[in-house]
């Protein structure tokens, strides 16, 4: 799918085109957003940039030289964006190709950041004068959206922390599952932030002649530094809660073992008494005693109560 946009009077306008898109349609557009392009659309774009479009494997490479470079077709930048699938956060790579008159973005999935950016552009909340500024603005909005996700994670972690540390009836198994999801999301955000820092360093070296864009880039770098501090705090908080939950689980298990141990000690003396009088020896005077049976029962009950009261006196039953 190709979405075409035009910059007019510092605002971004969507171009309405009939399918299939034609080469003249592409030439009119300032921003071409390609989401899962089919073979025909890929051929159009390759003919336009006079180069092959990057494949998914190429976009996912982590080497700096493979993610940020300049060649005859323009400036290439592969940026990690946060997406959500099946209730979990994942990362998706978006390939940016910046030319003098066109910005091309290529991605294999729907990304919330792009949908929000288009919505804000439709409501005239985004202004830009060039395709270079459009790309920087897109990357700036990515950081803003990451900040929103960090705030959401911080709120969820605060609620979970209160439940774990203050609620004695907290479902610890469910809490561990929630912490695992939060850690996964936090890790994906940190990955996106590290990638954003590298891409901004690359852009600042190659947009040196555009001071207004350099200032936006510096602002993005400051935001990234702030968010990295927040994600580091979340990482430490998640680990603290995970250790706390493991400690609570150990305490509960120890209490169960303690109950079994005390029960075993309490029932040990009556078992000894019953074992003695269960032996089949010929000479056992108590067997002919009229009150032998109730006396044996009384001794067994007394031998069970005595350890119980002793443990309670020592405070071991608390």
C-alpha atoms as a PDB file:
ATOM      1  CA  UNK A   1       0.000   0.000   0.000  1.00  0.00           C
ATOM      2  CA  UNK A   2       1.295   3.429  -0.966  1.00  0.00           C
ATOM      3  CA  UNK A   3       0.188   6.628   0.784  1.00  0.00           C
ATOM      4  CA  UNK A   4       1.199   9.879  -0.870  1.00  0.00           C
ATOM      5  CA  UNK A   5       1.548  13.251   0.862  1.00  0.00           C
ATOM      6  CA  UNK A   6       2.329  16.762  -0.296  1.00  0.00           C
ATOM      7  CA  UNK A   7       3.827  19.668   1.667  1.00  0.00           C
ATOM      8  CA  UNK A   8       1.806  22.800   0.946  1.00  0.00           C
ATOM      9  CA  UNK A   9       2.045  26.051   2.906  1.00  0.00           C
ATOM     10  CA  UNK A  10       4.081  24.287   5.612  1.00  0.00           C
ATOM     11  CA  UNK A  11       1.335  21.698   6.157  1.00  0.00           C
ATOM     12  CA  UNK A  12       1.130  18.053   5.139  1.00  0.00           C
ATOM     13  CA  UNK A  13      -1.741  17.099   2.845  1.00  0.00           C
ATOM     14  CA  UNK A  14      -2.666  13.612   1.679  1.00  0.00           C
ATOM     15  CA  UNK A  15      -2.909  13.136  -2.077  1.00  0.00           C
ATOM     16  CA  UNK A  16      -5.926  11.175  -3.243  1.00  0.00           C
ATOM     17  CA  UNK A  17      -4.844   8.896  -6.102  1.00  0.00           C
ATOM     18  CA  UNK A  18      -6.558   6.181  -8.058  1.00  0.00           C
ATOM     19  CA  UNK A  19      -5.226   2.638  -7.828  1.00  0.00           C
ATOM     20  CA  UNK A  20      -2.872   1.692  -9.322  1.00  0.00           C
ATOM     21  CA  UNK A  21      -0.553   4.586  -8.524  1.00  0.00           C
ATOM     22  CA  UNK A  22       1.277   5.979 -11.519  1.00  0.00           C
ATOM     23  CA  UNK A  23       4.834   7.361 -11.806  1.00  0.00           C
ATOM     24  CA  UNK A  24       3.394  10.881 -12.215  1.00  0.00           C
ATOM     25  CA  UNK A  25       1.578  10.456  -8.894  1.00  0.00           C
ATOM     26  CA  UNK A  26       4.873   9.597  -7.220  1.00  0.00           C
ATOM     27  CA  UNK A  27       6.578  12.633  -8.717  1.00  0.00           C
ATOM     28  CA  UNK A  28       3.898  14.916  -7.276  1.00  0.00           C
ATOM     29  CA  UNK A  29       4.331  13.542  -3.754  1.00  0.00           C
ATOM     30  CA  UNK A  30       6.843  14.832  -1.234  1.00  0.00           C
ATOM     31  CA  UNK A  31       6.386  11.899   1.144  1.00  0.00           C
ATOM     32  CA  UNK A  32       5.715   8.358  -0.058  1.00  0.00           C
ATOM     33  CA  UNK A  33       4.775   5.965   2.733  1.00  0.00           C
ATOM     34  CA  UNK A  34       5.015   2.348   1.538  1.00  0.00           C
ATOM     35  CA  UNK A  35       3.450  -0.221   3.851  1.00  0.00           C
ATOM     36  CA  UNK A  36       3.965  -3.791   2.673  1.00  0.00           C
ATOM     37  CA  UNK A  37       4.308  -2.719  -0.997  1.00  0.00           C
ATOM     38  CA  UNK A  38       3.422  -5.311  -3.605  1.00  0.00           C
ATOM     39  CA  UNK A  39       5.625  -6.158  -6.588  1.00  0.00           C
ATOM     40  CA  UNK A  40       4.117  -3.460  -8.798  1.00  0.00           C
ATOM     41  CA  UNK A  41       4.584  -0.781  -6.138  1.00  0.00           C
ATOM     42  CA  UNK A  42       8.144  -1.892  -5.446  1.00  0.00           C
ATOM     43  CA  UNK A  43       8.951  -1.699  -9.139  1.00  0.00           C
ATOM     44  CA  UNK A  44       7.556   1.842  -9.263  1.00  0.00           C
ATOM     45  CA  UNK A  45       9.639   2.953  -6.317  1.00  0.00           C
ATOM     46  CA  UNK A  46      12.793   1.252  -7.584  1.00  0.00           C
ATOM     47  CA  UNK A  47      12.365   2.947 -10.956  1.00  0.00           C
ATOM     48  CA  UNK A  48      11.888   6.267  -9.173  1.00  0.00           C
ATOM     49  CA  UNK A  49      14.985   6.064  -6.959  1.00  0.00           C
ATOM     50  CA  UNK A  50      16.943   4.114  -9.595  1.00  0.00           C
ATOM     51  CA  UNK A  51      18.009   1.594  -7.025  1.00  0.00           C
ATOM     52  CA  UNK A  52      16.685  -1.555  -5.334  1.00  0.00           C
ATOM     53  CA  UNK A  53      14.496  -1.187  -2.269  1.00  0.00           C
ATOM     54  CA  UNK A  54      15.881  -2.739   0.916  1.00  0.00           C
ATOM     55  CA  UNK A  55      14.524  -6.158   1.835  1.00  0.00           C
ATOM     56  CA  UNK A  56      13.386  -7.062   5.355  1.00  0.00           C
ATOM     57  CA  UNK A  57      16.668  -8.848   6.116  1.00  0.00           C
ATOM     58  CA  UNK A  58      18.664  -5.810   5.031  1.00  0.00           C
ATOM     59  CA  UNK A  59      16.542  -3.501   7.186  1.00  0.00           C
ATOM     60  CA  UNK A  60      17.086  -5.625  10.299  1.00  0.00           C
ATOM     61  CA  UNK A  61      20.888  -5.617  10.143  1.00  0.00           C
ATOM     62  CA  UNK A  62      22.428  -3.990  13.213  1.00  0.00           C
ATOM     63  CA  UNK A  63      25.746  -2.750  11.798  1.00  0.00           C
ATOM     64  CA  UNK A  64      25.920   1.030  11.722  1.00  0.00           C
ATOM     65  CA  UNK A  65      27.238   1.009   8.157  1.00  0.00           C
ATOM     66  CA  UNK A  66      24.206  -1.023   7.046  1.00  0.00           C
ATOM     67  CA  UNK A  67      21.641   1.123   8.859  1.00  0.00           C
ATOM     68  CA  UNK A  68      22.895   4.649   8.122  1.00  0.00           C
ATOM     69  CA  UNK A  69      24.600   5.533   4.860  1.00  0.00           C
ATOM     70  CA  UNK A  70      24.475   7.774   1.801  1.00  0.00           C
ATOM     71  CA  UNK A  71      24.633   6.594  -1.795  1.00  0.00           C
ATOM     72  CA  UNK A  72      23.528   7.764  -5.237  1.00  0.00           C
ATOM     73  CA  UNK A  73      19.834   7.289  -4.437  1.00  0.00           C
ATOM     74  CA  UNK A  74      19.962   9.484  -1.314  1.00  0.00           C
ATOM     75  CA  UNK A  75      20.364   9.307   2.446  1.00  0.00           C
ATOM     76  CA  UNK A  76      19.373   5.946   3.922  1.00  0.00           C
ATOM     77  CA  UNK A  77      18.311   5.491   7.522  1.00  0.00           C
ATOM     78  CA  UNK A  78      16.815   2.362   9.109  1.00  0.00           C
ATOM     79  CA  UNK A  79      14.998   3.273  12.306  1.00  0.00           C
ATOM     80  CA  UNK A  80      13.452   1.042  14.979  1.00  0.00           C
ATOM     81  CA  UNK A  81       9.846   1.847  15.873  1.00  0.00           C
ATOM     82  CA  UNK A  82       7.749   0.380  18.664  1.00  0.00           C
ATOM     83  CA  UNK A  83       4.672  -1.612  17.672  1.00  0.00           C
ATOM     84  CA  UNK A  84       2.226  -3.834  19.500  1.00  0.00           C
ATOM     85  CA  UNK A  85       1.178  -7.352  18.514  1.00  0.00           C
ATOM     86  CA  UNK A  86      -0.844  -9.777  20.591  1.00  0.00           C
ATOM     87  CA  UNK A  87      -0.743  -7.544  23.666  1.00  0.00           C
ATOM     88  CA  UNK A  88       3.066  -7.346  23.638  1.00  0.00           C
ATOM     89  CA  UNK A  89       5.358  -4.631  22.383  1.00  0.00           C
ATOM     90  CA  UNK A  90       7.640  -5.476  19.471  1.00  0.00           C
ATOM     91  CA  UNK A  91      10.071  -3.502  17.342  1.00  0.00           C
ATOM     92  CA  UNK A  92       9.630  -2.839  13.633  1.00  0.00           C
ATOM     93  CA  UNK A  93      12.280  -1.405  11.324  1.00  0.00           C
ATOM     94  CA  UNK A  94      11.318   1.437   9.007  1.00  0.00           C
ATOM     95  CA  UNK A  95      13.600   2.308   6.088  1.00  0.00           C
ATOM     96  CA  UNK A  96      13.885   6.033   5.296  1.00  0.00           C
ATOM     97  CA  UNK A  97      15.211   7.148   1.916  1.00  0.00           C
ATOM     98  CA  UNK A  98      15.728  10.915   1.834  1.00  0.00           C
ATOM     99  CA  UNK A  99      16.197  12.626  -1.518  1.00  0.00           C
ATOM    100  CA  UNK A 100      16.227  16.301  -2.433  1.00  0.00           C
ATOM    101  CA  UNK A 101      12.527  16.347  -3.312  1.00  0.00           C
ATOM    102  CA  UNK A 102      11.157  13.124  -1.860  1.00  0.00           C
ATOM    103  CA  UNK A 103      11.022  11.202   1.389  1.00  0.00           C
ATOM    104  CA  UNK A 104      10.262   7.498   1.080  1.00  0.00           C
ATOM    105  CA  UNK A 105       9.419   5.323   4.082  1.00  0.00           C
ATOM    106  CA  UNK A 106       9.230   1.549   3.716  1.00  0.00           C
ATOM    107  CA  UNK A 107       7.809  -0.752   6.405  1.00  0.00           C
ATOM    108  CA  UNK A 108       6.363  -4.241   6.680  1.00  0.00           C
ATOM    109  CA  UNK A 109       3.704  -3.598   9.328  1.00  0.00           C
ATOM    110  CA  UNK A 110       1.211  -1.060  10.590  1.00  0.00           C
ATOM    111  CA  UNK A 111       2.862   1.165  13.183  1.00  0.00           C
ATOM    112  CA  UNK A 112       0.940   3.312  15.631  1.00  0.00           C
ATOM    113  CA  UNK A 113       3.418   6.183  15.318  1.00  0.00           C
ATOM    114  CA  UNK A 114       2.635   6.602  11.625  1.00  0.00           C
ATOM    115  CA  UNK A 115      -1.113   6.471  12.188  1.00  0.00           C
ATOM    116  CA  UNK A 116      -0.877   9.134  14.919  1.00  0.00           C
ATOM    117  CA  UNK A 117       1.396  11.258  12.734  1.00  0.00           C
ATOM    118  CA  UNK A 118      -1.082  11.129   9.843  1.00  0.00           C
ATOM    119  CA  UNK A 119      -3.937  11.998  12.191  1.00  0.00           C
ATOM    120  CA  UNK A 120      -2.065  15.011  13.580  1.00  0.00           C
ATOM    121  CA  UNK A 121      -1.140  16.106  10.079  1.00  0.00           C
ATOM    122  CA  UNK A 122      -4.793  15.827   9.020  1.00  0.00           C
ATOM    123  CA  UNK A 123      -5.759  18.146  11.898  1.00  0.00           C
ATOM    124  CA  UNK A 124      -3.010  20.603  10.866  1.00  0.00           C
ATOM    125  CA  UNK A 125      -1.029  20.002  14.038  1.00  0.00           C
ATOM    126  CA  UNK A 126       2.263  19.405  12.175  1.00  0.00           C
ATOM    127  CA  UNK A 127       4.154  21.944  10.126  1.00  0.00           C
ATOM    128  CA  UNK A 128       7.282  21.467   8.018  1.00  0.00           C
ATOM    129  CA  UNK A 129       8.915  23.199   5.081  1.00  0.00           C
ATOM    130  CA  UNK A 130      10.973  20.453   3.468  1.00  0.00           C
ATOM    131  CA  UNK A 131      11.250  16.693   3.211  1.00  0.00           C
ATOM    132  CA  UNK A 132      14.307  16.799   5.479  1.00  0.00           C
ATOM    133  CA  UNK A 133      12.303  18.543   8.179  1.00  0.00           C
ATOM    134  CA  UNK A 134       9.482  16.072   7.599  1.00  0.00           C
ATOM    135  CA  UNK A 135      11.808  13.155   8.329  1.00  0.00           C
ATOM    136  CA  UNK A 136      13.223  14.815  11.459  1.00  0.00           C
ATOM    137  CA  UNK A 137       9.683  15.599  12.623  1.00  0.00           C
ATOM    138  CA  UNK A 138       8.669  11.966  12.144  1.00  0.00           C
ATOM    139  CA  UNK A 139      11.612  10.845  14.252  1.00  0.00           C
ATOM    140  CA  UNK A 140      10.772  13.478  16.863  1.00  0.00           C
ATOM    141  CA  UNK A 141       7.215  12.166  17.096  1.00  0.00           C
ATOM    142  CA  UNK A 142       8.599   8.670  17.546  1.00  0.00           C
ATOM    143  CA  UNK A 143      10.432   9.834  20.675  1.00  0.00           C
ATOM    144  CA  UNK A 144       7.318  11.615  21.942  1.00  0.00           C
ATOM    145  CA  UNK A 145       5.280   8.442  21.523  1.00  0.00           C
ATOM    146  CA  UNK A 146       7.993   6.424  23.287  1.00  0.00           C
ATOM    147  CA  UNK A 147       7.740   8.889  26.165  1.00  0.00           C
ATOM    148  CA  UNK A 148       3.991   8.246  26.360  1.00  0.00           C
ATOM    149  CA  UNK A 149       4.606   4.489  26.525  1.00  0.00           C
ATOM    150  CA  UNK A 150       7.226   4.985  29.256  1.00  0.00           C
ATOM    151  CA  UNK A 151       4.699   6.997  31.283  1.00  0.00           C
ATOM    152  CA  UNK A 152       2.142   4.219  30.827  1.00  0.00           C
ATOM    153  CA  UNK A 153       4.650   1.580  31.964  1.00  0.00           C
ATOM    154  CA  UNK A 154       5.576   3.722  34.975  1.00  0.00           C
ATOM    155  CA  UNK A 155       1.899   3.954  35.979  1.00  0.00           C
ATOM    156  CA  UNK A 156       1.336   0.200  35.582  1.00  0.00           C
ATOM    157  CA  UNK A 157       4.496  -0.585  37.514  1.00  0.00           C
ATOM    158  CA  UNK A 158       3.414   1.730  40.343  1.00  0.00           C
ATOM    159  CA  UNK A 159       0.048  -0.025  40.665  1.00  0.00           C
ATOM    160  CA  UNK A 160       1.700  -3.438  40.547  1.00  0.00           C
ATOM    161  CA  UNK A 161       4.298  -2.385  43.124  1.00  0.00           C
ATOM    162  CA  UNK A 162       1.580  -1.261  45.540  1.00  0.00           C
ATOM    163  CA  UNK A 163      -0.310  -4.526  45.062  1.00  0.00           C
ATOM    164  CA  UNK A 164       2.775  -6.700  45.596  1.00  0.00           C
ATOM    165  CA  UNK A 165       4.216  -4.850  48.579  1.00  0.00           C
ATOM    166  CA  UNK A 166       1.010  -3.957  50.441  1.00  0.00           C
ATOM    167  CA  UNK A 167      -1.569  -6.603  49.564  1.00  0.00           C
ATOM    168  CA  UNK A 168      -1.100  -9.851  51.475  1.00  0.00           C
ATOM    169  CA  UNK A 169      -3.541 -11.615  49.161  1.00  0.00           C
ATOM    170  CA  UNK A 170      -1.703 -10.602  45.975  1.00  0.00           C
ATOM    171  CA  UNK A 171      -1.542 -13.267  43.257  1.00  0.00           C
ATOM    172  CA  UNK A 172       2.250 -13.533  43.017  1.00  0.00           C
ATOM    173  CA  UNK A 173       2.180 -15.802  39.960  1.00  0.00           C
ATOM    174  CA  UNK A 174       0.088 -13.249  38.055  1.00  0.00           C
ATOM    175  CA  UNK A 175       2.396 -10.471  39.284  1.00  0.00           C
ATOM    176  CA  UNK A 176       5.429 -12.277  37.856  1.00  0.00           C
ATOM    177  CA  UNK A 177       3.658 -12.573  34.492  1.00  0.00           C
ATOM    178  CA  UNK A 178       2.856  -8.853  34.509  1.00  0.00           C
ATOM    179  CA  UNK A 179       6.433  -7.980  35.420  1.00  0.00           C
ATOM    180  CA  UNK A 180       7.708 -10.109  32.544  1.00  0.00           C
ATOM    181  CA  UNK A 181       5.499  -8.153  30.107  1.00  0.00           C
ATOM    182  CA  UNK A 182       6.647  -4.830  31.560  1.00  0.00           C
ATOM    183  CA  UNK A 183      10.281  -5.879  31.293  1.00  0.00           C
ATOM    184  CA  UNK A 184       9.764  -6.941  27.680  1.00  0.00           C
ATOM    185  CA  UNK A 185       8.201  -3.557  26.851  1.00  0.00           C
ATOM    186  CA  UNK A 186      10.902  -1.660  28.712  1.00  0.00           C
ATOM    187  CA  UNK A 187      13.619  -3.591  26.898  1.00  0.00           C
ATOM    188  CA  UNK A 188      12.066  -2.856  23.505  1.00  0.00           C
ATOM    189  CA  UNK A 189      11.858   0.847  24.385  1.00  0.00           C
ATOM    190  CA  UNK A 190      15.514   0.937  25.441  1.00  0.00           C
ATOM    191  CA  UNK A 191      16.438  -0.732  22.154  1.00  0.00           C
ATOM    192  CA  UNK A 192      14.514   1.926  20.202  1.00  0.00           C
ATOM    193  CA  UNK A 193      16.173   4.700  22.213  1.00  0.00           C
ATOM    194  CA  UNK A 194      19.680   3.361  21.612  1.00  0.00           C
ATOM    195  CA  UNK A 195      18.924   3.095  17.902  1.00  0.00           C
ATOM    196  CA  UNK A 196      17.496   6.642  17.900  1.00  0.00           C
ATOM    197  CA  UNK A 197      20.642   8.003  19.512  1.00  0.00           C
ATOM    198  CA  UNK A 198      22.786   6.443  16.796  1.00  0.00           C
ATOM    199  CA  UNK A 199      20.552   7.732  14.009  1.00  0.00           C
ATOM    200  CA  UNK A 200      20.557  11.273  15.432  1.00  0.00           C
ATOM    201  CA  UNK A 201      24.342  11.238  15.619  1.00  0.00           C
ATOM    202  CA  UNK A 202      24.423  10.223  11.956  1.00  0.00           C
ATOM    203  CA  UNK A 203      21.909  12.907  10.938  1.00  0.00           C
ATOM    204  CA  UNK A 204      23.706  15.682  12.788  1.00  0.00           C
ATOM    205  CA  UNK A 205      26.852  14.904  10.839  1.00  0.00           C
ATOM    206  CA  UNK A 206      25.055  15.034   7.486  1.00  0.00           C
ATOM    207  CA  UNK A 207      22.614  17.895   8.086  1.00  0.00           C
ATOM    208  CA  UNK A 208      25.280  20.305   9.258  1.00  0.00           C
ATOM    209  CA  UNK A 209      24.183  22.919   6.710  1.00  0.00           C
ATOM    210  CA  UNK A 210      20.634  23.082   8.079  1.00  0.00           C
ATOM    211  CA  UNK A 211      20.900  24.698  11.549  1.00  0.00           C
ATOM    212  CA  UNK A 212      17.146  24.623  12.214  1.00  0.00           C
ATOM    213  CA  UNK A 213      17.150  20.841  11.787  1.00  0.00           C
ATOM    214  CA  UNK A 214      20.258  20.501  13.941  1.00  0.00           C
ATOM    215  CA  UNK A 215      18.431  22.273  16.753  1.00  0.00           C
ATOM    216  CA  UNK A 216      15.527  19.817  16.478  1.00  0.00           C
ATOM    217  CA  UNK A 217      18.070  17.000  16.536  1.00  0.00           C
ATOM    218  CA  UNK A 218      19.675  18.368  19.716  1.00  0.00           C
ATOM    219  CA  UNK A 219      16.251  18.571  21.336  1.00  0.00           C
ATOM    220  CA  UNK A 220      15.609  14.936  20.351  1.00  0.00           C
ATOM    221  CA  UNK A 221      18.961  13.923  21.873  1.00  0.00           C
ATOM    222  CA  UNK A 222      18.031  15.631  25.157  1.00  0.00           C
ATOM    223  CA  UNK A 223      14.706  13.802  25.182  1.00  0.00           C
ATOM    224  CA  UNK A 224      16.464  10.500  24.505  1.00  0.00           C
ATOM    225  CA  UNK A 225      18.849  11.072  27.438  1.00  0.00           C
ATOM    226  CA  UNK A 226      15.901  11.787  29.718  1.00  0.00           C
ATOM    227  CA  UNK A 227      13.985   8.713  28.577  1.00  0.00           C
ATOM    228  CA  UNK A 228      17.018   6.477  28.979  1.00  0.00           C
ATOM    229  CA  UNK A 229      17.228   7.547  32.626  1.00  0.00           C
ATOM    230  CA  UNK A 230      13.550   6.686  33.092  1.00  0.00           C
ATOM    231  CA  UNK A 231      13.909   3.270  31.449  1.00  0.00           C
ATOM    232  CA  UNK A 232      16.956   2.555  33.631  1.00  0.00           C
ATOM    233  CA  UNK A 233      14.840   3.357  36.711  1.00  0.00           C
ATOM    234  CA  UNK A 234      12.046   1.097  35.444  1.00  0.00           C
ATOM    235  CA  UNK A 235      14.566  -1.691  34.856  1.00  0.00           C
ATOM    236  CA  UNK A 236      15.841  -1.426  38.439  1.00  0.00           C
ATOM    237  CA  UNK A 237      12.305  -1.201  39.836  1.00  0.00           C
ATOM    238  CA  UNK A 238      11.209  -4.296  37.907  1.00  0.00           C
ATOM    239  CA  UNK A 239      14.216  -6.255  39.182  1.00  0.00           C
ATOM    240  CA  UNK A 240      13.504  -5.092  42.749  1.00  0.00           C
ATOM    241  CA  UNK A 241       9.884  -6.247  42.516  1.00  0.00           C
ATOM    242  CA  UNK A 242      10.939  -9.550  40.962  1.00  0.00           C
ATOM    243  CA  UNK A 243      13.358 -10.150  43.865  1.00  0.00           C
ATOM    244  CA  UNK A 244      10.644  -9.123  46.340  1.00  0.00           C
ATOM    245  CA  UNK A 245       8.146 -11.548  44.835  1.00  0.00           C
ATOM    246  CA  UNK A 246      10.687 -14.370  44.969  1.00  0.00           C
ATOM    247  CA  UNK A 247      11.300 -13.482  48.626  1.00  0.00           C
ATOM    248  CA  UNK A 248       7.575 -13.550  49.399  1.00  0.00           C
ATOM    249  CA  UNK A 249       7.225 -16.905  47.643  1.00  0.00           C
ATOM    250  CA  UNK A 250      10.114 -18.301  49.711  1.00  0.00           C
ATOM    251  CA  UNK A 251       8.512 -16.984  52.906  1.00  0.00           C
ATOM    252  CA  UNK A 252       5.197 -18.638  52.042  1.00  0.00           C
ATOM    253  CA  UNK A 253       6.941 -21.903  51.220  1.00  0.00           C
ATOM    254  CA  UNK A 254       8.919 -21.729  54.474  1.00  0.00           C
ATOM    255  CA  UNK A 255       5.690 -21.208  56.407  1.00  0.00           C
ATOM    256  CA  UNK A 256       4.205 -24.320  54.801  1.00  0.00           C
ATOM    257  CA  UNK A 257       7.317 -26.350  55.599  1.00  0.00           C
ATOM    258  CA  UNK A 258       7.231 -24.937  59.130  1.00  0.00           C
ATOM    259  CA  UNK A 259       3.649 -26.164  59.622  1.00  0.00           C
ATOM    260  CA  UNK A 260       4.563 -29.650  58.417  1.00  0.00           C
ATOM    261  CA  UNK A 261       7.649 -29.726  60.635  1.00  0.00           C
ATOM    262  CA  UNK A 262       5.694 -28.676  63.733  1.00  0.00           C
ATOM    263  CA  UNK A 263       2.937 -31.186  62.956  1.00  0.00           C
ATOM    264  CA  UNK A 264       5.533 -33.939  62.615  1.00  0.00           C
ATOM    265  CA  UNK A 265       7.091 -33.046  65.992  1.00  0.00           C
ATOM    266  CA  UNK A 266       3.684 -32.824  67.703  1.00  0.00           C
ATOM    267  CA  UNK A 267       2.567 -36.245  66.480  1.00  0.00           C
ATOM    268  CA  UNK A 268       5.923 -37.931  67.078  1.00  0.00           C
ATOM    269  CA  UNK A 269       5.507 -38.625  70.880  1.00  0.00           C
ATOM    270  CA  UNK A 270       1.991 -40.141  70.488  1.00  0.00           C
ATOM    271  CA  UNK A 271       3.358 -42.281  67.680  1.00  0.00           C
ATOM    272  CA  UNK A 272       6.142 -43.527  69.990  1.00  0.00           C
ATOM    273  CA  UNK A 273       3.638 -44.383  72.739  1.00  0.00           C
ATOM    274  CA  UNK A 274       1.341 -46.169  70.287  1.00  0.00           C
ATOM    275  CA  UNK A 275       4.305 -48.063  68.834  1.00  0.00           C
ATOM    276  CA  UNK A 276       5.416 -49.250  72.252  1.00  0.00           C
ATOM    277  CA  UNK A 277       2.027 -50.622  73.168  1.00  0.00           C
ATOM    278  CA  UNK A 278       1.579 -52.103  69.756  1.00  0.00           C
ATOM    279  CA  UNK A 279       4.479 -54.512  70.293  1.00  0.00           C
ATOM    280  CA  UNK A 280       3.500 -58.173  70.796  1.00  0.00           C
ATOM    281  CA  UNK A 281       5.722 -59.184  73.705  1.00  0.00           C
ATOM    282  CA  UNK A 282       4.554 -61.846  76.162  1.00  0.00           C
ATOM    283  CA  UNK A 283       5.536 -60.002  79.322  1.00  0.00           C
ATOM    284  CA  UNK A 284       3.886 -56.552  79.235  1.00  0.00           C
ATOM    285  CA  UNK A 285       2.216 -55.911  82.630  1.00  0.00           C
ATOM    286  CA  UNK A 286       0.202 -52.959  81.291  1.00  0.00           C
ATOM    287  CA  UNK A 287      -1.778 -55.283  79.029  1.00  0.00           C
ATOM    288  CA  UNK A 288      -3.503 -56.866  82.039  1.00  0.00           C
ATOM    289  CA  UNK A 289      -4.082 -53.560  83.772  1.00  0.00           C
ATOM    290  CA  UNK A 290      -7.732 -52.480  83.934  1.00  0.00           C
ATOM    291  CA  UNK A 291      -6.971 -48.831  83.172  1.00  0.00           C
ATOM    292  CA  UNK A 292      -4.094 -49.467  80.759  1.00  0.00           C
ATOM    293  CA  UNK A 293      -5.962 -48.496  77.590  1.00  0.00           C
ATOM    294  CA  UNK A 294      -7.326 -45.090  78.797  1.00  0.00           C
ATOM    295  CA  UNK A 295      -3.971 -44.376  80.420  1.00  0.00           C
ATOM    296  CA  UNK A 296      -2.167 -44.977  77.116  1.00  0.00           C
ATOM    297  CA  UNK A 297      -4.675 -42.715  75.311  1.00  0.00           C
ATOM    298  CA  UNK A 298      -4.158 -40.017  77.956  1.00  0.00           C
ATOM    299  CA  UNK A 299      -0.375 -40.247  77.629  1.00  0.00           C
ATOM    300  CA  UNK A 300      -0.609 -39.912  73.826  1.00  0.00           C
ATOM    301  CA  UNK A 301      -2.876 -36.839  74.073  1.00  0.00           C
ATOM    302  CA  UNK A 302      -0.658 -35.274  76.739  1.00  0.00           C
ATOM    303  CA  UNK A 303       2.504 -35.975  74.722  1.00  0.00           C
ATOM    304  CA  UNK A 304       0.890 -34.178  71.752  1.00  0.00           C
ATOM    305  CA  UNK A 305      -0.409 -31.166  73.712  1.00  0.00           C
ATOM    306  CA  UNK A 306       2.837 -30.603  75.605  1.00  0.00           C
ATOM    307  CA  UNK A 307       4.974 -29.811  72.486  1.00  0.00           C
ATOM    308  CA  UNK A 308       2.152 -27.623  71.090  1.00  0.00           C
ATOM    309  CA  UNK A 309       2.035 -25.458  74.206  1.00  0.00           C
ATOM    310  CA  UNK A 310       5.825 -25.336  74.340  1.00  0.00           C
ATOM    311  CA  UNK A 311       6.050 -24.106  70.719  1.00  0.00           C
ATOM    312  CA  UNK A 312       3.310 -21.567  71.385  1.00  0.00           C
ATOM    313  CA  UNK A 313       5.118 -20.340  74.498  1.00  0.00           C
ATOM    314  CA  UNK A 314       8.299 -19.852  72.461  1.00  0.00           C
ATOM    315  CA  UNK A 315       6.371 -18.003  69.737  1.00  0.00           C
ATOM    316  CA  UNK A 316       7.294 -20.483  67.044  1.00  0.00           C
ATOM    317  CA  UNK A 317       3.702 -20.894  65.831  1.00  0.00           C
ATOM    318  CA  UNK A 318       3.332 -17.260  64.705  1.00  0.00           C
END
